Amino acid sequence: MWKFALKLVISKIIERIFRKKTIKPKTKEVVSDIKEKDILMEKVNLNTASEKELQKIIHIGPRRAKKIINRRPYRDIYELSNVLGLGRKRMDEIFEQGIIIT
């Protein structure tokens, strides 16, 4: 009888050990993080992007998006600093975001 009880206790301990090591609860979070990063890393072309796509760039709202569209074409992303209201600090943050291409 005690052998049976010992086997039962050992099997329950093993189940708990392996149950704690599973990553099932975290899997959904990891997948959603990967999807969010893929969405965030989607590149925005200054010369072809729509007004809505340009608004994915940090500090770019509807007004600045229209200004960017009106000043096309851009040879490089540094020309973006010619748009009114974009100072050095905001430009640094835009470059750090890393989604702009020309």
C-alpha atoms as a PDB file:
ATOM      1  CA  MET A   1       0.000   0.000   0.000  1.00  0.00           C
ATOM      2  CA  TRP A   2       2.756   2.427   0.888  1.00  0.00           C
ATOM      3  CA  LYS A   3       4.440   1.776  -2.508  1.00  0.00           C
ATOM      4  CA  PHE A   4       1.291   2.868  -4.266  1.00  0.00           C
ATOM      5  CA  ALA A   5       1.063   6.033  -2.135  1.00  0.00           C
ATOM      6  CA  LEU A   6       4.726   6.787  -2.780  1.00  0.00           C
ATOM      7  CA  LYS A   7       4.260   6.413  -6.553  1.00  0.00           C
ATOM      8  CA  LEU A   8       1.217   8.677  -6.418  1.00  0.00           C
ATOM      9  CA  VAL A   9       3.087  11.358  -4.473  1.00  0.00           C
ATOM     10  CA  ILE A  10       6.065  11.173  -6.833  1.00  0.00           C
ATOM     11  CA  SER A  11       3.840  11.386  -9.902  1.00  0.00           C
ATOM     12  CA  LYS A  12       2.048  14.454  -8.463  1.00  0.00           C
ATOM     13  CA  ILE A  13       5.388  16.127  -7.701  1.00  0.00           C
ATOM     14  CA  ILE A  14       6.627  15.441 -11.237  1.00  0.00           C
ATOM     15  CA  GLU A  15       3.402  16.848 -12.710  1.00  0.00           C
ATOM     16  CA  ARG A  16       3.776  20.031 -10.683  1.00  0.00           C
ATOM     17  CA  ILE A  17       7.416  20.461 -11.653  1.00  0.00           C
ATOM     18  CA  PHE A  18       6.694  20.150 -15.358  1.00  0.00           C
ATOM     19  CA  ARG A  19       3.504  22.183 -15.139  1.00  0.00           C
ATOM     20  CA  LYS A  20       5.380  25.147 -13.659  1.00  0.00           C
ATOM     21  CA  LYS A  21       7.998  25.053 -16.406  1.00  0.00           C
ATOM     22  CA  THR A  22       5.536  25.249 -19.267  1.00  0.00           C
ATOM     23  CA  ILE A  23       5.301  28.577 -21.045  1.00  0.00           C
ATOM     24  CA  LYS A  24       1.733  28.287 -22.207  1.00  0.00           C
ATOM     25  CA  PRO A  25       0.487  31.384 -20.329  1.00  0.00           C
ATOM     26  CA  LYS A  26       3.374  33.472 -21.616  1.00  0.00           C
ATOM     27  CA  THR A  27       3.124  32.249 -25.211  1.00  0.00           C
ATOM     28  CA  LYS A  28       0.258  34.577 -26.075  1.00  0.00           C
ATOM     29  CA  GLU A  29       2.129  37.543 -24.624  1.00  0.00           C
ATOM     30  CA  VAL A  30       5.287  36.692 -26.553  1.00  0.00           C
ATOM     31  CA  VAL A  31       3.385  36.267 -29.816  1.00  0.00           C
ATOM     32  CA  SER A  32       1.547  39.551 -29.320  1.00  0.00           C
ATOM     33  CA  ASP A  33       4.843  41.312 -28.520  1.00  0.00           C
ATOM     34  CA  ILE A  34       6.374  39.963 -31.733  1.00  0.00           C
ATOM     35  CA  LYS A  35       3.360  41.093 -33.770  1.00  0.00           C
ATOM     36  CA  GLU A  36       3.481  44.556 -32.188  1.00  0.00           C
ATOM     37  CA  LYS A  37       7.186  44.862 -32.958  1.00  0.00           C
ATOM     38  CA  ASP A  38       6.580  43.810 -36.569  1.00  0.00           C
ATOM     39  CA  ILE A  39       3.856  46.422 -36.880  1.00  0.00           C
ATOM     40  CA  LEU A  40       6.009  49.069 -35.259  1.00  0.00           C
ATOM     41  CA  MET A  41       8.962  48.222 -37.473  1.00  0.00           C
ATOM     42  CA  GLU A  42       6.924  48.679 -40.652  1.00  0.00           C
ATOM     43  CA  LYS A  43       8.879  51.217 -42.719  1.00  0.00           C
ATOM     44  CA  VAL A  44       7.360  54.490 -43.902  1.00  0.00           C
ATOM     45  CA  ASN A  45       8.599  55.967 -47.183  1.00  0.00           C
ATOM     46  CA  LEU A  46       8.543  59.776 -47.097  1.00  0.00           C
ATOM     47  CA  ASN A  47       8.020  60.025 -50.857  1.00  0.00           C
ATOM     48  CA  THR A  48       5.202  57.495 -51.291  1.00  0.00           C
ATOM     49  CA  ALA A  49       3.410  57.196 -47.936  1.00  0.00           C
ATOM     50  CA  SER A  50      -0.135  58.393 -47.512  1.00  0.00           C
ATOM     51  CA  GLU A  51      -1.111  60.947 -44.888  1.00  0.00           C
ATOM     52  CA  LYS A  52      -2.330  58.155 -42.606  1.00  0.00           C
ATOM     53  CA  GLU A  53       0.909  56.173 -42.991  1.00  0.00           C
ATOM     54  CA  LEU A  54       3.012  59.259 -42.219  1.00  0.00           C
ATOM     55  CA  GLN A  55       1.136  59.647 -38.934  1.00  0.00           C
ATOM     56  CA  LYS A  56       2.737  56.388 -37.721  1.00  0.00           C
ATOM     57  CA  ILE A  57       5.923  58.398 -37.289  1.00  0.00           C
ATOM     58  CA  ILE A  58       6.336  59.857 -33.810  1.00  0.00           C
ATOM     59  CA  HIS A  59       5.477  63.618 -33.598  1.00  0.00           C
ATOM     60  CA  ILE A  60       3.748  63.549 -37.010  1.00  0.00           C
ATOM     61  CA  GLY A  61       0.084  64.457 -36.900  1.00  0.00           C
ATOM     62  CA  PRO A  62      -2.317  65.383 -39.726  1.00  0.00           C
ATOM     63  CA  ARG A  63      -0.879  68.899 -40.183  1.00  0.00           C
ATOM     64  CA  ARG A  64       2.740  67.797 -40.379  1.00  0.00           C
ATOM     65  CA  ALA A  65       1.806  64.880 -42.630  1.00  0.00           C
ATOM     66  CA  LYS A  66       0.276  67.343 -45.099  1.00  0.00           C
ATOM     67  CA  LYS A  67       3.402  69.513 -44.900  1.00  0.00           C
ATOM     68  CA  ILE A  68       5.585  66.492 -45.607  1.00  0.00           C
ATOM     69  CA  ILE A  69       3.455  65.543 -48.612  1.00  0.00           C
ATOM     70  CA  ASN A  70       3.539  69.109 -49.974  1.00  0.00           C
ATOM     71  CA  ARG A  71       7.350  69.281 -49.763  1.00  0.00           C
ATOM     72  CA  ARG A  72       8.015  66.052 -51.690  1.00  0.00           C
ATOM     73  CA  PRO A  73      10.329  64.673 -53.085  1.00  0.00           C
ATOM     74  CA  TYR A  74      12.884  63.995 -50.375  1.00  0.00           C
ATOM     75  CA  ARG A  75      16.397  62.823 -51.260  1.00  0.00           C
ATOM     76  CA  ASP A  76      17.162  61.706 -47.698  1.00  0.00           C
ATOM     77  CA  ILE A  77      15.499  61.656 -44.297  1.00  0.00           C
ATOM     78  CA  TYR A  78      17.518  64.644 -43.099  1.00  0.00           C
ATOM     79  CA  GLU A  79      15.456  66.913 -45.356  1.00  0.00           C
ATOM     80  CA  LEU A  80      12.548  66.207 -43.028  1.00  0.00           C
ATOM     81  CA  SER A  81      14.029  68.764 -40.632  1.00  0.00           C
ATOM     82  CA  ASN A  82      12.971  71.482 -43.101  1.00  0.00           C
ATOM     83  CA  VAL A  83       9.347  70.891 -42.129  1.00  0.00           C
ATOM     84  CA  LEU A  84       8.288  73.624 -39.712  1.00  0.00           C
ATOM     85  CA  GLY A  85       8.033  72.694 -36.052  1.00  0.00           C
ATOM     86  CA  LEU A  86      10.525  69.849 -36.106  1.00  0.00           C
ATOM     87  CA  GLY A  87      13.468  70.814 -33.952  1.00  0.00           C
ATOM     88  CA  ARG A  88      16.603  68.846 -33.188  1.00  0.00           C
ATOM     89  CA  LYS A  89      15.103  66.974 -30.208  1.00  0.00           C
ATOM     90  CA  ARG A  90      12.054  65.811 -32.161  1.00  0.00           C
ATOM     91  CA  MET A  91      14.204  64.863 -35.134  1.00  0.00           C
ATOM     92  CA  ASP A  92      16.417  62.758 -32.863  1.00  0.00           C
ATOM     93  CA  GLU A  93      13.346  60.942 -31.536  1.00  0.00           C
ATOM     94  CA  ILE A  94      12.078  60.353 -35.083  1.00  0.00           C
ATOM     95  CA  PHE A  95      15.439  58.911 -36.150  1.00  0.00           C
ATOM     96  CA  GLU A  96      15.524  56.692 -33.038  1.00  0.00           C
ATOM     97  CA  GLN A  97      12.144  55.270 -34.015  1.00  0.00           C
ATOM     98  CA  GLY A  98      13.864  53.991 -37.165  1.00  0.00           C
ATOM     99  CA  ILE A  99      10.879  53.510 -39.479  1.00  0.00           C
ATOM    100  CA  ILE A 100      11.554  56.221 -42.075  1.00  0.00           C
ATOM    101  CA  ILE A 101      13.017  55.528 -45.490  1.00  0.00           C
ATOM    102  CA  THR A 102      13.241  57.614 -48.669  1.00  0.00           C
END
